[in-house]
Amino acid sequence: MPISGKSMRWATVAASVLLTAGALPVVNAHLATAAHASGPGAVRTPARYLHQHLDWRSCASGALECAAMAVPRDWHHPEQGPSLTVEVSRHRATDTAGRHGVLMMAAGGPGASGLNRPVNLAHYAPGLAATYDIVSFDQRGVGSSTKVTCADQPTVDAYFSGDKRDRSAGALRGTFARARAFVRDCQRHANDLLPYITTEQAVHDMDLYRALLGARTISYYGPSYATVLGASYATAFPHRVARMVLDSNVDYTGTWQSFMEGQPSSFQRRFDKDFLPWLAKNDGVYHQGRTPAQAKASYERLRAGLHAHPLVLDGTTITPDQLDTLASSAIYQADPGFENLATALMALEHPDTASPAVKQTLAKAMAHPVDARFAADFFSVTCNDTPWNRSTAYWIAQSDRATRDHPLVGARVLAYSAVCAAWPRSTAPHLHVTGRDLPPILMLNSVHDPATYYEGALRDHRALPTSRLVTVVGGGDHGQFQNHNACVDHLVEGYLVNGTLPASDTTCAANPLPVPSGVTRG
């Protein structure tokens, strides 16, 4: 399952990653070369990359500066093959006299664009914007950088629609056949690029960016998939890390397969323990049932109805899988996700009485369950990074259990695992996270995070002996910083600016759940 929620009104904003750096006035080529010649991620950087000049220009949005950075296609054979482009951006510090260095952002997913994210962070945390040049980039394979291409949008829509709870032999054969066809599309459109769209290659792109910015060391803030990038960067270049914040942690102690096999349970927990009780409490507004069990039964009735008779809403045909995608995306953040999902359930249950504006917005949000561009990079990274079981029988049995025990996303996981089971065998190096030679690290996670589950964060915490864990209790939002939680924001900004860490593991209370419009809080 994608780790970042879809960026739409009915869902949540995808995650981002920050790098903070102490900067030098100019690039020191000898220093930058040394950074690429030691440690677990050792590679050699040819002079044509190391000595390039970033030609800053105004970005299309007008709010940032952008530049194109050339990187090797394969960092382990940098002289072979064409160069790739990584598009980078920056928002200059507003207090030049008090400037500390560089704060770098990138996107999660994997597969989301990070290029325009500095603007949002500058608005959210003006203290950081005053202190740092905030910079970002589109990861290789994404957006304005050299893109990886697989299937077209109608093909991806068809693959992620229908009803994956259908366990008939014909339905299962169809899922595996479409997965193999998707992989063939990837090979046909991007075969020469596919092996090099990995986390490990991206880590070396990040360190080249550090060198071109003239930074001796970096501090790092990374939520969601960016925790994988951060932990991998720290493993490859531990002496380049000054401070590190890892927010909503993927379990990077294992493989992508093991992590994604754990997601059905955490999505179901968030749905059952947080959303359904909230929905039942607000039955007077949404009319889905007065108890969590009744609200769940309403959802299942709606889903069964879509299985029997898919709904055509403003030109979009809506199937059970699209309903499950909508629900699982919306619960990433309670505000505004819970209200948006509840409103959507009412509209889907009674489309004849829903307003035209609601139907139009809902149809647009559900038209494309997964963006085709996102899917191309997501599968390239997750299928390449670590090994996958390639047995069809294994995945049928595994998805049978997940469908039975955790139906919200358990059945749809087969759509993801079937692609990686058919993916060309990868020879990509894997950086085993050790936590060796690192400074103190700040980690953040909520207890009911649906996408990056708390159990994985605890394993990460044990793997990083210098870490302090901030547990956000009483909730399950995905992404703790930049979520208007004053306790979390104070800890993160205090650490990034002043180096202040809690003396031991600590907790913050989750944000209160939203109160529906027109209802008095009390």
Protein backbone atom coordinates (compact mmCIF):
# COMPACT_ATOMS: atom_id res chain seq x y z
CA MET A 1 0.00 0.00 0.00
CA PRO A 2 1.25 3.54 -0.66
CA ILE A 3 2.52 5.05 2.55
CA SER A 4 1.40 8.61 1.89
CA GLY A 5 -2.26 9.52 1.57
CA LYS A 6 -3.57 10.91 -1.71
CA SER A 7 -3.51 14.67 -2.06
CA MET A 8 -7.20 15.46 -2.54
CA ARG A 9 -10.08 17.00 -0.67
CA TRP A 10 -11.33 13.58 0.42
CA ALA A 11 -7.99 12.32 1.65
CA THR A 12 -4.78 13.64 3.16
CA VAL A 13 -1.61 15.33 2.08
CA ALA A 14 1.35 13.12 1.15
CA ALA A 15 4.38 13.13 3.40
CA SER A 16 7.55 15.19 3.07
CA VAL A 17 11.14 15.05 4.19
CA LEU A 18 13.45 17.77 5.44
CA LEU A 19 17.22 17.99 5.56
CA THR A 20 18.89 20.71 7.60
CA ALA A 21 22.47 21.54 6.87
CA GLY A 22 25.27 23.73 8.08
CA ALA A 23 26.58 25.41 4.94
CA LEU A 24 29.92 26.53 3.59
CA PRO A 25 30.24 29.65 1.43
CA VAL A 26 31.25 27.60 -1.63
CA VAL A 27 31.48 23.91 -2.55
CA ASN A 28 34.69 22.30 -1.33
CA ALA A 29 35.36 19.69 -4.00
CA HIS A 30 37.90 17.76 -1.92
CA LEU A 31 35.47 17.57 0.99
CA ALA A 32 32.59 16.45 -1.22
CA THR A 33 34.74 13.78 -2.88
CA ALA A 34 35.67 12.40 0.54
CA ALA A 35 32.01 12.11 1.42
CA HIS A 36 31.54 9.76 -1.51
CA ALA A 37 34.62 7.69 -0.79
CA SER A 38 33.95 6.26 2.66
CA GLY A 39 31.31 4.38 4.60
CA PRO A 40 28.80 1.65 3.65
CA GLY A 41 27.53 3.69 0.69
CA ALA A 42 30.97 4.38 -0.79
CA VAL A 43 30.95 5.41 -4.44
CA ARG A 44 33.20 7.59 -6.58
CA THR A 45 31.81 10.88 -7.89
CA PRO A 46 33.15 11.94 -11.30
CA ALA A 47 34.26 15.57 -11.52
CA ARG A 48 31.60 16.41 -14.10
CA TYR A 49 28.93 15.88 -11.43
CA LEU A 50 30.89 17.19 -8.47
CA HIS A 51 31.90 20.46 -10.16
CA GLN A 52 28.58 21.26 -11.82
CA HIS A 53 26.95 24.64 -11.19
CA LEU A 54 23.30 24.83 -10.12
CA ASP A 55 21.78 27.44 -12.43
CA TRP A 56 18.97 28.82 -10.27
CA ARG A 57 15.91 30.27 -11.99
CA SER A 58 12.36 31.07 -10.97
CA CYS A 59 10.17 27.98 -10.60
CA ALA A 60 6.90 27.73 -12.53
CA SER A 61 5.01 28.53 -9.32
CA GLY A 62 6.93 31.79 -8.96
CA ALA A 63 7.44 31.32 -5.22
CA LEU A 64 10.69 29.36 -5.39
CA GLU A 65 13.95 29.08 -7.28
CA CYS A 66 14.58 25.90 -9.28
CA ALA A 67 17.59 24.26 -10.90
CA ALA A 68 18.44 21.00 -12.67
CA MET A 69 21.05 18.73 -11.04
CA ALA A 70 22.74 16.06 -13.15
CA VAL A 71 23.29 12.68 -11.44
CA PRO A 72 24.67 9.35 -12.67
CA ARG A 73 22.08 6.83 -13.78
CA ASP A 74 23.94 4.26 -11.68
CA TRP A 75 26.11 5.54 -8.84
CA HIS A 76 28.05 2.27 -8.81
CA HIS A 77 29.02 2.68 -12.48
CA PRO A 78 28.85 6.46 -12.85
CA GLU A 79 30.58 6.60 -16.22
CA GLN A 80 28.12 4.18 -17.85
CA GLY A 81 24.81 5.22 -19.36
CA PRO A 82 23.24 8.65 -19.71
CA SER A 83 22.98 11.10 -16.84
CA LEU A 84 19.63 11.62 -15.10
CA THR A 85 18.15 14.94 -14.02
CA VAL A 86 17.03 15.66 -10.47
CA GLU A 87 15.09 18.92 -10.32
CA VAL A 88 15.80 20.90 -7.15
CA SER A 89 14.21 23.97 -5.53
CA ARG A 90 14.87 26.43 -2.71
CA HIS A 91 13.24 29.11 -0.59
CA ARG A 92 15.89 31.50 0.73
CA ALA A 93 16.13 32.29 4.44
CA THR A 94 14.21 35.43 5.34
CA ASP A 95 16.75 36.44 8.01
CA THR A 96 20.04 36.41 6.14
CA ALA A 97 21.98 37.72 9.13
CA GLY A 98 20.77 34.88 11.36
CA ARG A 99 20.89 32.16 8.70
CA HIS A 100 22.06 28.77 10.04
CA GLY A 101 22.21 26.71 6.87
CA VAL A 102 20.00 24.54 4.69
CA LEU A 103 16.72 22.77 5.42
CA MET A 104 16.07 20.22 2.69
CA MET A 105 12.66 18.70 1.90
CA ALA A 106 11.62 15.78 -0.27
CA ALA A 107 8.40 13.90 -0.76
CA GLY A 108 7.17 10.57 0.56
CA GLY A 109 5.19 7.91 -1.23
CA PRO A 110 7.49 6.76 -2.69
CA GLY A 111 6.30 8.52 -5.83
CA ALA A 112 5.14 11.99 -4.76
CA SER A 113 6.64 15.29 -5.92
CA GLY A 114 8.61 17.38 -3.45
CA LEU A 115 9.55 20.34 -5.60
CA ASN A 116 6.99 22.86 -4.28
CA ARG A 117 6.97 21.80 -0.64
CA PRO A 118 9.33 24.49 0.72
CA VAL A 119 6.58 27.09 0.30
CA ASN A 120 4.21 25.19 2.61
CA LEU A 121 6.86 24.65 5.26
CA ALA A 122 7.92 28.30 5.14
CA HIS A 123 4.32 29.32 5.81
CA TYR A 124 3.83 26.73 8.56
CA ALA A 125 7.08 27.34 10.46
CA PRO A 126 8.28 30.92 9.87
CA GLY A 127 10.98 30.46 12.48
CA LEU A 128 12.56 27.73 10.39
CA ALA A 129 12.07 29.78 7.22
CA ALA A 130 13.91 32.68 8.82
CA THR A 131 16.80 30.49 9.94
CA TYR A 132 17.27 28.24 6.92
CA ASP A 133 17.30 28.17 3.16
CA ILE A 134 14.53 25.59 2.66
CA VAL A 135 15.32 23.38 -0.32
CA SER A 136 13.69 20.36 -1.92
CA PHE A 137 13.77 18.14 -4.98
CA ASP A 138 11.82 15.68 -7.06
CA GLN A 139 13.35 12.26 -6.42
CA ARG A 140 14.71 10.42 -9.47
CA GLY A 141 11.80 8.87 -11.34
CA VAL A 142 9.30 11.54 -10.23
CA GLY A 143 7.74 14.78 -11.49
CA SER A 144 10.13 17.28 -13.06
CA SER A 145 13.09 14.92 -12.64
CA THR A 146 13.84 12.10 -15.09
CA LYS A 147 10.57 10.17 -14.89
CA VAL A 148 9.91 6.46 -14.89
CA THR A 149 6.84 5.47 -16.95
CA CYS A 150 4.77 2.30 -16.79
CA ALA A 151 1.09 1.92 -17.73
CA ASP A 152 -1.33 4.66 -18.80
CA GLN A 153 -3.99 6.01 -16.43
CA PRO A 154 -6.95 3.96 -17.78
CA THR A 155 -4.93 0.76 -17.32
CA VAL A 156 -4.02 1.69 -13.75
CA ASP A 157 -7.64 2.69 -13.02
CA ALA A 158 -8.87 -0.71 -14.21
CA TYR A 159 -6.28 -2.54 -12.11
CA PHE A 160 -7.23 -0.77 -8.88
CA SER A 161 -11.00 -0.92 -9.43
CA GLY A 162 -13.46 -3.77 -9.10
CA ASP A 163 -13.65 -5.88 -5.95
CA LYS A 164 -10.47 -7.57 -4.70
CA ARG A 165 -12.52 -9.37 -2.03
CA ASP A 166 -13.74 -11.58 -4.86
CA ARG A 167 -11.67 -14.72 -4.18
CA SER A 168 -12.93 -16.74 -7.12
CA ALA A 169 -10.31 -18.47 -9.24
CA GLY A 170 -11.14 -16.28 -12.22
CA ALA A 171 -10.80 -13.06 -10.23
CA LEU A 172 -7.46 -14.12 -8.78
CA ARG A 173 -6.13 -15.11 -12.20
CA GLY A 174 -7.21 -11.73 -13.49
CA THR A 175 -5.32 -9.87 -10.76
CA PHE A 176 -2.08 -11.73 -11.46
CA ALA A 177 -2.51 -11.35 -15.23
CA ARG A 178 -3.01 -7.58 -14.92
CA ALA A 179 -0.01 -7.37 -12.57
CA ARG A 180 2.20 -9.11 -15.12
CA ALA A 181 0.88 -6.83 -17.86
CA PHE A 182 1.71 -3.79 -15.72
CA VAL A 183 5.28 -5.02 -15.28
CA ARG A 184 5.59 -5.60 -19.02
CA ASP A 185 4.45 -2.01 -19.57
CA CYS A 186 7.15 -0.81 -17.17
CA GLN A 187 9.79 -2.83 -18.99
CA ARG A 188 8.63 -1.62 -22.40
CA HIS A 189 8.49 2.07 -21.47
CA ALA A 190 11.35 2.37 -18.95
CA ASN A 191 13.40 -0.82 -19.03
CA ASP A 192 16.82 0.89 -19.07
CA LEU A 193 15.83 3.10 -16.13
CA LEU A 194 13.92 0.66 -13.92
CA PRO A 195 16.88 -0.91 -12.03
CA TYR A 196 18.12 2.50 -10.89
CA ILE A 197 14.92 3.84 -9.31
CA THR A 198 15.79 2.82 -5.76
CA THR A 199 16.20 4.30 -2.32
CA GLU A 200 19.92 3.54 -2.32
CA GLN A 201 20.50 5.45 -5.57
CA ALA A 202 18.40 8.37 -4.27
CA VAL A 203 20.54 8.54 -1.11
CA HIS A 204 23.60 9.25 -3.25
CA ASP A 205 21.65 11.92 -5.16
CA MET A 206 20.90 13.54 -1.80
CA ASP A 207 24.54 13.57 -0.80
CA LEU A 208 25.58 15.11 -4.11
CA TYR A 209 22.97 17.82 -3.48
CA ARG A 210 24.50 18.36 -0.03
CA ALA A 211 27.92 18.76 -1.61
CA LEU A 212 26.72 21.19 -4.29
CA LEU A 213 25.06 23.29 -1.59
CA GLY A 214 28.37 23.43 0.26
CA ALA A 215 27.11 21.72 3.41
CA ARG A 216 29.56 19.86 5.67
CA THR A 217 26.85 18.03 7.60
CA ILE A 218 23.08 17.82 7.43
CA SER A 219 20.33 17.51 9.95
CA TYR A 220 17.27 15.66 8.75
CA TYR A 221 13.53 15.66 9.22
CA GLY A 222 11.68 12.97 7.30
CA PRO A 223 8.15 11.62 7.67
CA SER A 224 6.69 8.42 6.20
CA TYR A 225 8.76 6.94 3.32
CA ALA A 226 11.26 9.72 4.01
CA THR A 227 12.19 7.85 7.20
CA VAL A 228 13.56 5.13 4.90
CA LEU A 229 15.52 7.75 2.99
CA GLY A 230 16.77 9.28 6.24
CA ALA A 231 17.77 6.05 7.92
CA SER A 232 19.46 4.89 4.70
CA TYR A 233 21.31 8.18 4.32
CA ALA A 234 22.50 7.95 7.93
CA THR A 235 23.73 4.42 7.31
CA ALA A 236 25.65 5.41 4.17
CA PHE A 237 26.98 8.71 5.52
CA PRO A 238 26.80 8.68 9.34
CA HIS A 239 29.42 11.40 9.76
CA ARG A 240 27.41 13.73 7.55
CA VAL A 241 24.45 13.72 9.98
CA ALA A 242 24.21 16.44 12.62
CA ARG A 243 20.58 16.02 13.73
CA MET A 244 17.81 13.72 12.57
CA VAL A 245 14.05 13.61 13.07
CA LEU A 246 12.17 10.55 11.77
CA ASP A 247 8.39 11.02 11.74
CA SER A 248 5.82 8.25 11.19
CA ASN A 249 8.31 5.49 10.62
CA VAL A 250 8.26 2.76 8.03
CA ASP A 251 9.71 -0.40 9.57
CA TYR A 252 13.08 -0.18 7.86
CA THR A 253 14.52 -2.99 9.98
CA GLY A 254 12.93 -5.49 7.57
CA THR A 255 11.89 -5.61 3.92
CA TRP A 256 9.19 -3.82 1.98
CA GLN A 257 7.32 -7.13 1.86
CA SER A 258 7.33 -7.60 5.62
CA PHE A 259 6.32 -3.98 6.18
CA MET A 260 3.43 -4.07 3.73
CA GLU A 261 2.18 -7.40 5.08
CA GLY A 262 1.68 -5.59 8.40
CA GLN A 263 -0.37 -2.71 7.00
CA PRO A 264 -3.81 -4.39 6.75
CA SER A 265 -3.88 -4.78 10.54
CA SER A 266 -2.99 -1.15 11.23
CA PHE A 267 -5.44 0.28 8.69
CA GLN A 268 -8.19 -1.88 10.18
CA ARG A 269 -7.25 -0.76 13.71
CA ARG A 270 -7.48 2.91 12.75
CA PHE A 271 -10.84 2.33 11.03
CA ASP A 272 -12.34 0.22 13.83
CA LYS A 273 -10.90 1.97 16.88
CA ASP A 274 -10.95 5.63 15.81
CA PHE A 275 -13.17 6.32 12.80
CA LEU A 276 -16.15 4.05 13.47
CA PRO A 277 -16.62 5.19 17.12
CA TRP A 278 -16.42 8.81 15.94
CA LEU A 279 -18.95 8.11 13.17
CA ALA A 280 -21.32 6.46 15.64
CA LYS A 281 -20.97 9.34 18.10
CA ASN A 282 -22.07 11.68 15.31
CA ASP A 283 -24.94 9.56 14.05
CA GLY A 284 -27.24 12.56 14.39
CA VAL A 285 -25.28 14.21 11.58
CA TYR A 286 -24.32 11.29 9.32
CA HIS A 287 -27.00 8.65 10.05
CA GLN A 288 -24.69 5.63 9.72
CA GLY A 289 -25.57 3.91 13.01
CA ARG A 290 -25.51 4.68 16.72
CA THR A 291 -22.81 2.14 17.60
CA PRO A 292 -19.50 1.30 15.92
CA ALA A 293 -20.92 -2.09 14.95
CA GLN A 294 -23.94 -0.46 13.30
CA ALA A 295 -21.72 2.06 11.49
CA LYS A 296 -19.52 -0.77 10.22
CA ALA A 297 -22.60 -2.67 9.01
CA SER A 298 -23.70 0.44 7.10
CA TYR A 299 -20.32 0.58 5.39
CA GLU A 300 -20.51 -3.09 4.46
CA ARG A 301 -24.06 -2.67 3.07
CA LEU A 302 -22.89 0.20 0.91
CA ARG A 303 -19.92 -1.82 -0.27
CA ALA A 304 -22.07 -4.86 -1.09
CA GLY A 305 -24.42 -2.62 -3.05
CA LEU A 306 -21.51 -1.30 -5.12
CA HIS A 307 -20.42 -4.88 -5.80
CA ALA A 308 -23.86 -5.80 -7.10
CA HIS A 309 -24.49 -2.49 -8.90
CA PRO A 310 -21.52 -0.14 -9.36
CA LEU A 311 -22.61 3.47 -9.02
CA VAL A 312 -22.11 5.95 -11.85
CA LEU A 313 -21.58 9.33 -10.24
CA ASP A 314 -21.03 12.36 -12.45
CA GLY A 315 -19.43 10.16 -15.10
CA THR A 316 -17.27 8.07 -12.72
CA THR A 317 -18.09 4.40 -12.16
CA ILE A 318 -17.55 3.61 -8.47
CA THR A 319 -16.73 0.06 -7.36
CA PRO A 320 -16.04 -1.50 -3.93
CA ASP A 321 -12.26 -1.15 -4.32
CA GLN A 322 -12.64 2.58 -4.92
CA LEU A 323 -14.74 2.86 -1.77
CA ASP A 324 -12.06 1.08 0.25
CA THR A 325 -9.38 3.32 -1.27
CA LEU A 326 -11.37 6.41 -0.32
CA ALA A 327 -11.82 5.17 3.25
CA SER A 328 -8.22 4.11 3.77
CA SER A 329 -6.93 7.42 2.38
CA ALA A 330 -9.28 9.55 4.48
CA ILE A 331 -8.24 8.05 7.81
CA TYR A 332 -4.62 9.17 7.45
CA GLN A 333 -5.64 12.39 9.21
CA ALA A 334 -8.79 12.73 11.29
CA ASP A 335 -9.14 16.39 10.36
CA PRO A 336 -10.43 16.77 7.67
CA GLY A 337 -10.48 13.09 6.71
CA PHE A 338 -13.17 11.81 9.09
CA GLU A 339 -15.73 14.47 8.13
CA ASN A 340 -14.95 14.11 4.44
CA LEU A 341 -15.36 10.34 4.55
CA ALA A 342 -18.60 10.54 6.53
CA THR A 343 -20.00 13.06 4.04
CA ALA A 344 -18.94 10.79 1.19
CA LEU A 345 -20.68 7.78 2.73
CA MET A 346 -23.94 9.71 2.94
CA ALA A 347 -23.62 10.87 -0.66
CA LEU A 348 -22.86 7.37 -1.94
CA GLU A 349 -25.74 5.90 0.06
CA HIS A 350 -28.21 8.53 -1.18
CA PRO A 351 -26.77 9.99 -4.40
CA ASP A 352 -30.17 11.35 -5.51
CA THR A 353 -30.25 13.77 -2.57
CA ALA A 354 -26.58 14.75 -2.59
CA SER A 355 -25.77 18.24 -3.84
CA PRO A 356 -24.24 18.58 -7.31
CA ALA A 357 -21.08 20.06 -5.79
CA VAL A 358 -20.61 17.10 -3.44
CA LYS A 359 -21.21 14.58 -6.23
CA GLN A 360 -18.82 16.35 -8.56
CA THR A 361 -16.05 16.56 -5.94
CA LEU A 362 -16.56 12.94 -4.88
CA ALA A 363 -16.57 11.65 -8.45
CA LYS A 364 -13.35 13.50 -9.21
CA ALA A 365 -11.70 12.18 -6.05
CA MET A 366 -12.66 8.55 -6.79
CA ALA A 367 -12.01 8.54 -10.54
CA HIS A 368 -8.35 7.52 -10.24
CA PRO A 369 -7.69 5.28 -7.21
CA VAL A 370 -3.93 5.46 -7.86
CA ASP A 371 -2.21 8.02 -10.08
CA ALA A 372 -0.35 6.26 -12.92
CA ARG A 373 2.75 8.42 -12.47
CA PHE A 374 2.79 7.70 -8.75
CA ALA A 375 2.34 3.97 -9.34
CA ALA A 376 5.33 3.82 -11.71
CA ASP A 377 7.74 5.19 -9.13
CA PHE A 378 6.11 3.47 -6.14
CA PHE A 379 6.52 0.02 -7.63
CA SER A 380 9.99 0.77 -8.99
CA VAL A 381 11.24 1.65 -5.51
CA THR A 382 9.41 -0.93 -3.42
CA CYS A 383 9.92 -3.83 -5.83
CA ASN A 384 13.60 -2.99 -6.42
CA ASP A 385 14.74 -2.11 -2.90
CA THR A 386 14.34 -5.49 -1.18
CA PRO A 387 13.46 -9.09 -2.21
CA TRP A 388 9.88 -10.33 -2.62
CA ASN A 389 8.33 -13.79 -2.49
CA ARG A 390 7.51 -14.74 -6.07
CA SER A 391 5.09 -17.61 -5.35
CA THR A 392 1.52 -17.15 -6.57
CA ALA A 393 0.31 -19.75 -4.06
CA TYR A 394 1.94 -17.84 -1.19
CA TRP A 395 0.23 -14.58 -2.12
CA ILE A 396 -3.17 -16.17 -2.58
CA ALA A 397 -2.95 -17.74 0.88
CA GLN A 398 -1.59 -14.56 2.45
CA SER A 399 -4.27 -12.37 0.89
CA ASP A 400 -6.98 -14.87 1.89
CA ARG A 401 -5.97 -14.35 5.54
CA ALA A 402 -5.68 -10.58 5.17
CA THR A 403 -9.08 -10.35 3.46
CA ARG A 404 -10.72 -12.37 6.22
CA ASP A 405 -9.07 -10.65 9.19
CA HIS A 406 -8.54 -7.06 7.96
CA PRO A 407 -10.95 -6.49 5.06
CA LEU A 408 -10.57 -2.70 4.67
CA VAL A 409 -7.28 -3.02 2.77
CA GLY A 410 -6.41 -6.70 3.22
CA ALA A 411 -7.82 -7.77 -0.13
CA ARG A 412 -6.29 -4.89 -2.10
CA VAL A 413 -2.78 -5.69 -0.86
CA LEU A 414 -2.76 -8.47 -3.44
CA ALA A 415 -2.75 -5.84 -6.19
CA TYR A 416 0.53 -4.49 -4.82
CA SER A 417 2.25 -7.75 -3.95
CA ALA A 418 1.35 -9.35 -7.29
CA VAL A 419 3.27 -6.60 -9.11
CA CYS A 420 6.40 -7.06 -7.02
CA ALA A 421 6.12 -10.85 -7.35
CA ALA A 422 6.31 -10.40 -11.14
CA TRP A 423 8.98 -7.68 -11.09
CA PRO A 424 12.39 -8.41 -12.66
CA ARG A 425 14.77 -9.73 -10.01
CA SER A 426 16.63 -6.77 -8.58
CA THR A 427 20.35 -6.57 -7.90
CA ALA A 428 20.05 -3.21 -6.13
CA PRO A 429 22.29 -2.87 -3.05
CA HIS A 430 20.39 -2.77 0.24
CA LEU A 431 21.60 -0.55 3.07
CA HIS A 432 21.08 -2.41 6.33
CA VAL A 433 20.25 0.22 8.96
CA THR A 434 22.66 -0.07 11.86
CA GLY A 435 22.44 3.18 13.84
CA ARG A 436 26.23 3.11 14.12
CA ASP A 437 28.16 6.37 14.69
CA LEU A 438 25.03 8.54 14.77
CA PRO A 439 24.21 11.55 16.95
CA PRO A 440 21.01 11.65 19.06
CA ILE A 441 17.92 11.14 16.89
CA LEU A 442 14.33 12.24 17.51
CA MET A 443 11.57 9.83 16.42
CA LEU A 444 7.81 10.53 16.24
CA ASN A 445 4.88 8.12 15.82
CA SER A 446 1.21 7.93 16.74
CA VAL A 447 -0.15 4.75 18.25
CA HIS A 448 -2.89 4.19 15.66
CA ASP A 449 -1.10 5.40 12.52
CA PRO A 450 -2.73 3.36 9.73
CA ALA A 451 0.16 3.45 7.25
CA THR A 452 3.32 3.41 9.39
CA TYR A 453 2.26 1.31 12.32
CA TYR A 454 3.55 1.84 15.85
CA GLU A 455 4.95 -1.67 16.19
CA GLY A 456 7.34 -0.93 13.33
CA ALA A 457 8.39 2.35 14.93
CA LEU A 458 9.29 0.48 18.11
CA ARG A 459 11.51 -1.88 16.12
CA ASP A 460 13.16 1.10 14.45
CA HIS A 461 13.66 2.71 17.86
CA ARG A 462 15.47 -0.37 19.13
CA ALA A 463 17.64 -0.41 16.00
CA LEU A 464 18.74 3.20 16.58
CA PRO A 465 20.30 3.22 20.05
CA THR A 466 20.78 7.00 20.13
CA SER A 467 17.09 7.71 19.43
CA ARG A 468 14.42 9.29 21.61
CA LEU A 469 10.85 8.30 20.76
CA VAL A 470 7.95 10.75 21.05
CA THR A 471 4.72 8.71 21.09
CA VAL A 472 1.57 10.62 20.15
CA VAL A 473 -1.08 8.96 22.29
CA GLY A 474 -4.84 8.94 21.91
CA GLY A 475 -4.90 9.17 18.12
CA GLY A 476 -3.68 7.83 14.82
CA ASP A 477 -2.81 10.64 12.43
CA HIS A 478 -0.05 9.96 9.93
CA GLY A 479 2.63 12.65 10.08
CA GLN A 480 3.05 14.34 13.47
CA PHE A 481 5.04 17.49 12.65
CA GLN A 482 3.25 20.16 10.58
CA ASN A 483 -0.04 18.75 11.92
CA HIS A 484 -0.86 21.65 14.27
CA ASN A 485 0.10 19.67 17.36
CA ALA A 486 1.78 22.27 19.60
CA CYS A 487 3.57 19.66 21.73
CA VAL A 488 5.13 17.93 18.73
CA ASP A 489 5.95 21.17 16.91
CA HIS A 490 7.71 22.54 19.99
CA LEU A 491 9.87 19.43 20.32
CA VAL A 492 10.79 19.27 16.63
CA GLU A 493 11.52 22.96 16.11
CA GLY A 494 13.43 23.17 19.39
CA TYR A 495 15.58 20.24 18.35
CA LEU A 496 16.24 21.40 14.79
CA VAL A 497 17.04 24.98 15.80
CA ASN A 498 18.67 24.57 19.21
CA GLY A 499 19.58 20.88 19.45
CA THR A 500 17.29 20.39 22.46
CA LEU A 501 16.16 16.79 23.00
CA PRO A 502 13.91 15.26 25.68
CA ALA A 503 15.97 13.50 28.34
CA SER A 504 14.18 10.22 27.58
CA ASP A 505 11.29 8.85 25.55
CA THR A 506 8.20 10.97 26.02
CA THR A 507 4.60 11.44 24.86
CA CYS A 508 2.39 14.10 23.34
CA ALA A 509 -1.41 14.03 23.33
CA ALA A 510 -3.02 13.65 19.93
CA ASN A 511 -5.11 16.44 18.50
CA PRO A 512 -8.80 16.17 19.48
CA LEU A 513 -11.03 14.52 16.92
CA PRO A 514 -12.98 16.96 14.74
CA VAL A 515 -16.45 18.17 15.62
CA PRO A 516 -18.79 18.13 12.61
CA SER A 517 -19.90 21.48 11.29
CA GLY A 518 -22.91 22.78 13.16
CA VAL A 519 -22.31 20.58 16.22
CA THR A 520 -21.38 22.22 19.52
CA ARG A 521 -18.15 20.96 21.04
CA GLY A 522 -18.70 19.65 24.55
